[in-house]
Amino acid sequence: MRKDPFVAFLGLLAFGGVAILAYFSDVAFTDNSSKTLTLGRRLDVPVNVDPVNREDQIEDNHSALVDSQKQSSKDCIPKKHFVWIKVHKAGSQTTTPLFERFAFNNHLKVLLGAHRGPTISWPLPPREGDYFQTKDGGLFDALYSHSRYNKTWLEAHFPDDTAYLAIVKEPFTHFKSCLHYYAIPRRIKIKSKTEKNPVKIFLKDPWKYKTEAMSQGIRWDKTRNAQLFDLGFPMEKSDDMEWTEKYIAQLDRDFLLVIILEYHDESLILLKRLMCWELYDILLGAENRNSRPYSYKYYKPTPEEEETYRKYAAAEYAMYQRFNQSLWEKISQQSPDFFQEVDNYRKVTTQVREFCQGGKRRN
């Protein structure tokens, strides 16, 4: 059932009003100008605030950050052409609303599927009839529906200045999520009289279980290198690590940013800066839109089990390592107030969510 456009507009207007009010609320910032950026791990920013002059310091930091953002916005033109690859089971459903809102607010020509709901075409590139054409038959501005990355097809349907964006998560966590969501234990009949945890059973010998399948002539597997597959990787190359490394390096060049779910807030602030967007553009009303409880969700593998899965999904681990390193390299090139902005984003987001959920607003 389609939403009334006027109702949708009112919802966006209300969300925007809350975001603006929250942004100008009294938010404390931390001083990390002397913090050395380290690659590949989350960074905790030390608090260096003099308790005696705390309010003055907070106000000075707030003003300095706002002035810095105003100055940078003058020299930065917002990017309005983007392709968002919604990698399955990697937090893409939680992140997608910000792209939907940006496209709506900026009247972008969005590539939308004609028959398959949130999916345009998978795993093959879209064919005529799979999607709605633009009124003038020209190029599209934005994509945020499920569609597997195909560089040749996308470059033919989007402008040359299009920013390519995606999201991935830690491979073992992704494996557990897929195991549950796609009901793989039931489908491949994983059973044991002594062990109830399907993860432990599977990892005794992953190659024993047939989880690979064919769809429209394309080989895919939900337990092995599945995220990389959504980024166009051919499953036939899973054991050719030399070829795989080259493919991943090319993806790193093709994509402006690959969000790391484990560092979601840092990734979104980097997205905002790289795309020259505003704080409002990256606000998310829900912390997690597609989370499901299951018995082994928080199971941590033994060192032996983790090593087994690393060998089984070596291409996926190589991809995650590359994009994680790339994220922190890009963050290291940002101005010293980067983590102040991350801290501000978290506080503003919390205020917006509390307001939208009917919580009490702070005086």
Protein backbone atom coordinates (compact mmCIF):
# COMPACT_ATOMS: atom_id res chain seq x y z
CA MET A 1 0.00 0.00 0.00
CA ARG A 2 1.50 3.34 -1.05
CA LYS A 3 1.95 6.11 1.48
CA ASP A 4 0.16 9.42 0.96
CA PRO A 5 2.89 11.81 -0.35
CA PHE A 6 1.56 14.56 1.92
CA VAL A 7 1.85 12.30 4.98
CA ALA A 8 5.37 11.34 3.94
CA PHE A 9 6.24 15.02 3.53
CA LEU A 10 4.95 15.84 7.01
CA GLY A 11 7.02 12.99 8.44
CA LEU A 12 10.17 14.28 6.78
CA LEU A 13 9.39 17.83 7.92
CA ALA A 14 8.97 16.68 11.54
CA PHE A 15 12.16 14.65 11.42
CA GLY A 16 14.04 17.62 10.01
CA GLY A 17 12.72 19.93 12.70
CA VAL A 18 13.82 17.56 15.44
CA ALA A 19 17.26 17.20 13.86
CA ILE A 20 17.77 20.97 13.69
CA LEU A 21 16.68 21.47 17.29
CA ALA A 22 18.95 18.65 18.46
CA TYR A 23 21.90 19.97 16.50
CA PHE A 24 21.81 23.33 18.24
CA SER A 25 21.29 21.81 21.68
CA ASP A 26 23.99 22.01 24.36
CA VAL A 27 26.35 19.21 23.25
CA ALA A 28 29.71 18.51 24.85
CA PHE A 29 32.66 17.85 22.60
CA THR A 30 35.98 16.19 23.33
CA ASP A 31 39.34 17.61 22.34
CA ASN A 32 41.27 15.15 20.19
CA SER A 33 43.47 17.49 18.20
CA SER A 34 46.60 15.74 19.46
CA LYS A 35 45.26 12.22 18.97
CA THR A 36 47.25 10.06 16.57
CA LEU A 37 45.00 8.16 14.16
CA THR A 38 45.72 4.44 14.15
CA LEU A 39 44.58 2.15 11.35
CA GLY A 40 42.30 -0.81 11.63
CA ARG A 41 40.74 -0.37 15.09
CA ARG A 42 38.18 1.74 16.87
CA LEU A 43 39.64 4.77 18.62
CA ASP A 44 38.58 6.11 22.02
CA VAL A 45 38.95 9.87 22.25
CA PRO A 46 40.30 11.07 25.63
CA VAL A 47 38.36 13.78 27.45
CA ASN A 48 40.59 16.76 28.23
CA VAL A 49 38.15 19.22 29.77
CA ASP A 50 39.06 21.40 32.70
CA PRO A 51 36.22 20.93 35.27
CA VAL A 52 36.53 24.54 36.43
CA ASN A 53 36.01 26.06 32.99
CA ARG A 54 34.06 23.16 31.50
CA GLU A 55 31.08 25.17 30.21
CA ASP A 56 33.31 27.75 28.51
CA GLN A 57 35.43 25.03 26.92
CA ILE A 58 32.37 23.18 25.69
CA GLU A 59 31.01 26.37 24.13
CA ASP A 60 34.38 27.17 22.52
CA ASN A 61 34.69 23.66 21.09
CA HIS A 62 31.11 23.74 19.84
CA SER A 63 31.62 27.12 18.15
CA ALA A 64 34.93 26.06 16.63
CA LEU A 65 33.41 22.91 15.16
CA VAL A 66 30.41 24.77 13.74
CA ASP A 67 32.70 27.41 12.20
CA SER A 68 34.90 24.68 10.73
CA GLN A 69 31.88 22.94 9.23
CA LYS A 70 30.54 26.20 7.79
CA GLN A 71 33.89 26.97 6.19
CA SER A 72 34.27 23.50 4.70
CA SER A 73 30.70 23.57 3.36
CA LYS A 74 31.48 26.72 1.35
CA ASP A 75 34.23 24.91 -0.52
CA CYS A 76 32.38 21.62 -0.93
CA ILE A 77 29.64 20.92 -3.46
CA PRO A 78 27.22 18.13 -2.36
CA LYS A 79 27.42 14.98 -4.47
CA LYS A 80 23.96 14.11 -5.77
CA HIS A 81 24.77 11.06 -7.88
CA PHE A 82 25.30 7.81 -5.96
CA VAL A 83 24.97 4.05 -6.17
CA TRP A 84 24.39 2.33 -2.83
CA ILE A 85 25.07 -1.40 -2.97
CA LYS A 86 22.88 -2.97 -0.29
CA VAL A 87 25.01 -5.93 0.75
CA HIS A 88 22.67 -8.54 2.23
CA LYS A 89 22.74 -9.06 6.03
CA ALA A 90 25.38 -6.36 6.60
CA GLY A 91 23.34 -3.55 8.13
CA SER A 92 22.25 -2.13 4.80
CA GLN A 93 18.58 -2.01 5.77
CA THR A 94 19.41 0.18 8.77
CA THR A 95 21.52 2.56 6.67
CA THR A 96 19.35 2.82 3.55
CA PRO A 97 16.81 5.36 4.94
CA LEU A 98 19.38 8.15 4.83
CA PHE A 99 19.84 7.55 1.08
CA GLU A 100 16.08 7.38 0.54
CA ARG A 101 15.60 10.67 2.39
CA PHE A 102 18.42 12.42 0.53
CA ALA A 103 17.02 11.30 -2.83
CA PHE A 104 13.50 12.45 -1.87
CA ASN A 105 14.63 15.85 -0.57
CA ASN A 106 16.78 16.52 -3.63
CA HIS A 107 14.26 15.26 -6.22
CA LEU A 108 16.69 12.70 -7.64
CA LYS A 109 15.89 10.28 -10.45
CA VAL A 110 16.05 6.96 -8.61
CA LEU A 111 16.49 3.54 -10.20
CA LEU A 112 13.56 1.53 -8.82
CA GLY A 113 12.55 -2.06 -9.43
CA ALA A 114 9.31 -2.77 -11.24
CA HIS A 115 8.40 -6.18 -9.80
CA ARG A 116 10.54 -7.36 -6.88
CA GLY A 117 9.97 -4.81 -4.13
CA PRO A 118 13.27 -3.72 -2.56
CA THR A 119 15.23 -5.78 -5.09
CA ILE A 120 15.76 -4.59 -8.65
CA SER A 121 17.61 -7.59 -10.01
CA TRP A 122 19.82 -10.24 -8.43
CA PRO A 123 22.25 -11.81 -9.21
CA LEU A 124 22.17 -10.74 -12.88
CA PRO A 125 22.23 -7.07 -13.94
CA PRO A 126 18.78 -5.52 -14.48
CA ARG A 127 17.15 -6.15 -17.83
CA GLU A 128 14.61 -3.96 -19.57
CA GLY A 129 11.35 -4.38 -17.73
CA ASP A 130 13.04 -5.03 -14.37
CA TYR A 131 13.04 -1.33 -13.53
CA PHE A 132 11.21 1.92 -14.28
CA GLN A 133 12.82 4.17 -16.88
CA THR A 134 13.33 7.88 -16.32
CA LYS A 135 10.78 10.16 -17.98
CA ASP A 136 13.33 11.46 -20.46
CA GLY A 137 14.94 8.07 -20.97
CA GLY A 138 18.21 9.46 -19.61
CA LEU A 139 20.60 8.46 -16.85
CA PHE A 140 19.67 7.87 -13.22
CA ASP A 141 20.88 9.89 -10.23
CA ALA A 142 20.61 7.34 -7.45
CA LEU A 143 20.26 3.67 -6.55
CA TYR A 144 19.47 2.31 -3.08
CA SER A 145 17.56 -0.93 -3.79
CA HIS A 146 19.11 -4.39 -3.69
CA SER A 147 21.17 -4.98 -6.83
CA ARG A 148 24.45 -6.81 -7.26
CA TYR A 149 27.41 -4.63 -8.26
CA ASN A 150 28.10 -4.77 -11.99
CA LYS A 151 30.50 -2.02 -12.99
CA THR A 152 29.82 -2.13 -16.75
CA TRP A 153 26.03 -1.97 -16.39
CA LEU A 154 26.06 0.76 -13.74
CA GLU A 155 28.48 3.00 -15.62
CA ALA A 156 26.14 2.84 -18.62
CA HIS A 157 23.15 4.00 -16.57
CA PHE A 158 24.67 6.57 -14.18
CA PRO A 159 26.70 9.77 -14.70
CA ASP A 160 30.50 9.71 -14.69
CA ASP A 161 30.67 11.55 -11.36
CA THR A 162 28.59 8.92 -9.52
CA ALA A 163 29.85 7.98 -6.05
CA TYR A 164 29.83 4.22 -5.42
CA LEU A 165 29.07 3.23 -1.83
CA ALA A 166 28.56 -0.05 0.03
CA ILE A 167 28.56 -1.64 3.49
CA VAL A 168 30.16 -4.80 4.93
CA LYS A 169 30.47 -6.39 8.35
CA GLU A 170 32.89 -8.73 10.12
CA PRO A 171 32.81 -12.05 8.16
CA PHE A 172 32.11 -14.48 11.02
CA THR A 173 29.27 -12.33 12.35
CA HIS A 174 27.88 -12.16 8.82
CA PHE A 175 28.15 -15.95 8.51
CA LYS A 176 26.06 -16.49 11.66
CA SER A 177 23.45 -14.00 10.47
CA CYS A 178 23.13 -15.75 7.12
CA LEU A 179 23.01 -19.17 8.75
CA HIS A 180 19.97 -18.05 10.73
CA TYR A 181 18.19 -15.77 8.25
CA TYR A 182 18.28 -18.22 5.35
CA ALA A 183 17.45 -21.20 7.61
CA ILE A 184 20.53 -23.00 6.32
CA PRO A 185 20.72 -25.66 9.11
CA ARG A 186 17.23 -26.82 8.21
CA ARG A 187 17.80 -26.65 4.47
CA ILE A 188 20.99 -28.71 4.49
CA LYS A 189 19.83 -30.89 7.40
CA ILE A 190 22.54 -30.08 9.95
CA LYS A 191 21.84 -32.43 12.85
CA SER A 192 23.70 -33.83 15.82
CA LYS A 193 22.58 -35.93 18.77
CA THR A 194 25.08 -34.28 21.09
CA GLU A 195 25.42 -30.70 19.74
CA LYS A 196 22.58 -28.18 19.29
CA ASN A 197 24.66 -25.26 18.01
CA PRO A 198 24.61 -25.45 14.17
CA VAL A 199 27.66 -23.16 13.97
CA LYS A 200 29.83 -25.69 15.78
CA ILE A 201 28.49 -28.56 13.68
CA PHE A 202 29.05 -26.68 10.42
CA LEU A 203 32.59 -25.67 11.30
CA LYS A 204 33.70 -29.22 12.01
CA ASP A 205 33.92 -29.52 8.23
CA PRO A 206 32.40 -26.63 6.19
CA TRP A 207 33.37 -28.23 2.88
CA LYS A 208 31.21 -31.25 3.78
CA TYR A 209 27.99 -29.25 3.61
CA LYS A 210 26.62 -28.27 0.22
CA THR A 211 25.49 -24.66 0.53
CA GLU A 212 26.50 -23.52 -2.94
CA ALA A 213 23.62 -23.01 -5.37
CA MET A 214 22.82 -21.70 -8.86
CA SER A 215 20.51 -18.82 -9.70
CA GLN A 216 19.94 -17.83 -13.33
CA GLY A 217 23.17 -19.56 -14.25
CA ILE A 218 25.17 -17.74 -11.56
CA ARG A 219 26.90 -19.67 -8.77
CA TRP A 220 26.46 -18.24 -5.26
CA ASP A 221 26.80 -19.33 -1.63
CA LYS A 222 25.27 -17.74 1.48
CA THR A 223 27.88 -19.19 3.86
CA ARG A 224 31.03 -18.40 1.89
CA ASN A 225 32.19 -15.01 0.55
CA ALA A 226 28.58 -13.83 0.30
CA GLN A 227 29.29 -10.14 0.90
CA LEU A 228 32.01 -10.11 -1.71
CA PHE A 229 29.61 -11.84 -4.10
CA ASP A 230 27.16 -8.92 -3.73
CA LEU A 231 30.06 -6.71 -4.81
CA GLY A 232 30.31 -8.61 -8.10
CA PHE A 233 32.84 -11.27 -7.13
CA PRO A 234 32.53 -14.54 -9.12
CA MET A 235 32.33 -17.54 -6.77
CA GLU A 236 34.44 -19.59 -9.17
CA LYS A 237 37.44 -17.50 -8.11
CA SER A 238 37.07 -18.21 -4.39
CA ASP A 239 40.23 -20.31 -4.21
CA ASP A 240 42.36 -18.09 -6.44
CA MET A 241 43.66 -15.61 -3.87
CA GLU A 242 46.01 -13.82 -6.27
CA TRP A 243 43.09 -12.99 -8.59
CA THR A 244 40.89 -12.20 -5.58
CA GLU A 245 43.35 -9.68 -4.14
CA LYS A 246 43.48 -7.86 -7.46
CA TYR A 247 39.70 -7.79 -7.67
CA ILE A 248 39.38 -6.39 -4.14
CA ALA A 249 42.00 -3.73 -4.89
CA GLN A 250 39.97 -2.67 -7.92
CA LEU A 251 36.81 -2.45 -5.80
CA ASP A 252 38.70 -0.23 -3.37
CA ARG A 253 39.49 2.12 -6.26
CA ASP A 254 35.94 2.00 -7.64
CA PHE A 255 34.15 2.79 -4.38
CA LEU A 256 34.31 6.19 -2.74
CA LEU A 257 33.53 4.51 0.59
CA VAL A 258 32.68 1.08 1.94
CA ILE A 259 31.03 1.49 5.34
CA ILE A 260 32.22 -0.88 8.05
CA LEU A 261 29.26 -1.82 10.22
CA GLU A 262 31.42 -2.26 13.32
CA TYR A 263 32.43 1.41 12.92
CA HIS A 264 29.10 2.67 11.66
CA ASP A 265 29.17 6.13 13.26
CA GLU A 266 32.71 6.86 12.09
CA SER A 267 31.79 5.63 8.62
CA LEU A 268 28.74 7.90 8.41
CA ILE A 269 30.68 10.99 9.43
CA LEU A 270 33.26 10.13 6.77
CA LEU A 271 30.40 9.63 4.29
CA LYS A 272 29.04 13.07 5.19
CA ARG A 273 32.43 14.69 4.58
CA LEU A 274 33.26 12.82 1.38
CA MET A 275 29.81 13.50 -0.09
CA CYS A 276 29.70 17.12 1.21
CA TRP A 277 26.37 16.43 2.88
CA GLU A 278 24.87 17.96 6.04
CA LEU A 279 24.36 16.43 9.46
CA TYR A 280 20.64 16.06 8.75
CA ASP A 281 21.42 13.95 5.69
CA ILE A 282 23.02 11.17 7.76
CA LEU A 283 20.65 11.06 10.74
CA LEU A 284 18.98 7.69 11.27
CA GLY A 285 15.76 7.29 13.23
CA ALA A 286 16.32 3.62 14.08
CA GLU A 287 19.44 2.04 15.56
CA ASN A 288 18.83 -1.32 13.91
CA ARG A 289 15.91 -1.97 11.58
CA ASN A 290 16.48 -5.65 10.82
CA SER A 291 17.84 -7.30 13.96
CA ARG A 292 16.61 -10.78 14.90
CA PRO A 293 17.34 -12.80 18.02
CA TYR A 294 18.53 -16.40 17.70
CA SER A 295 20.26 -18.87 19.98
CA TYR A 296 23.79 -18.61 18.56
CA LYS A 297 23.80 -14.90 17.70
CA TYR A 298 26.45 -14.06 20.31
CA TYR A 299 28.39 -17.29 20.07
CA LYS A 300 32.14 -16.66 19.88
CA PRO A 301 34.08 -19.31 18.00
CA THR A 302 37.03 -21.14 19.43
CA PRO A 303 40.40 -20.22 17.86
CA GLU A 304 40.25 -23.47 15.89
CA GLU A 305 36.73 -22.73 14.59
CA GLU A 306 37.66 -19.20 13.61
CA GLU A 307 40.74 -20.41 11.76
CA THR A 308 38.61 -23.01 9.94
CA TYR A 309 36.18 -20.35 8.78
CA ARG A 310 39.03 -18.02 7.78
CA LYS A 311 40.30 -20.70 5.43
CA TYR A 312 36.81 -21.50 4.16
CA ALA A 313 35.97 -17.83 3.43
CA ALA A 314 39.46 -16.48 2.78
CA ALA A 315 38.28 -14.08 0.07
CA GLU A 316 35.73 -12.51 2.43
CA TYR A 317 38.34 -11.93 5.12
CA ALA A 318 40.71 -10.39 2.58
CA MET A 319 37.92 -8.04 1.49
CA TYR A 320 37.05 -7.02 5.05
CA GLN A 321 40.67 -6.39 5.95
CA ARG A 322 41.18 -4.22 2.87
CA PHE A 323 38.05 -2.10 3.39
CA ASN A 324 38.65 -1.76 7.12
CA GLN A 325 42.18 -0.52 6.46
CA SER A 326 40.92 1.79 3.72
CA LEU A 327 38.33 3.29 6.08
CA TRP A 328 40.93 4.20 8.70
CA GLU A 329 43.35 5.52 6.11
CA LYS A 330 40.66 7.91 4.89
CA ILE A 331 39.80 8.91 8.44
CA SER A 332 43.48 9.61 9.14
CA GLN A 333 43.40 12.19 6.32
CA GLN A 334 40.55 14.11 7.93
CA SER A 335 40.87 17.26 10.05
CA PRO A 336 41.59 16.90 13.79
CA ASP A 337 37.97 17.61 14.72
CA PHE A 338 36.78 14.37 13.08
CA PHE A 339 36.13 12.53 16.34
CA GLN A 340 34.48 15.59 17.85
CA GLU A 341 32.01 15.38 15.01
CA VAL A 342 31.50 11.65 15.62
CA ASP A 343 30.76 12.38 19.27
CA ASN A 344 28.35 15.15 18.28
CA TYR A 345 26.61 12.84 15.82
CA ARG A 346 26.05 10.18 18.48
CA LYS A 347 24.54 12.68 20.90
CA VAL A 348 22.31 14.33 18.32
CA THR A 349 21.17 10.92 17.04
CA THR A 350 20.29 9.83 20.57
CA GLN A 351 18.23 12.98 21.10
CA VAL A 352 16.39 12.53 17.81
CA ARG A 353 15.59 8.89 18.55
CA GLU A 354 14.38 9.68 22.04
CA PHE A 355 12.12 12.41 20.66
CA CYS A 356 10.75 10.22 17.86
CA GLN A 357 10.06 7.37 20.30
CA GLY A 358 8.08 9.68 22.56
CA GLY A 359 10.76 9.93 25.23
CA LYS A 360 11.14 12.91 27.51
CA ARG A 361 13.19 15.74 26.09
CA ARG A 362 15.98 17.12 28.20
CA ASN A 363 15.49 20.71 29.44
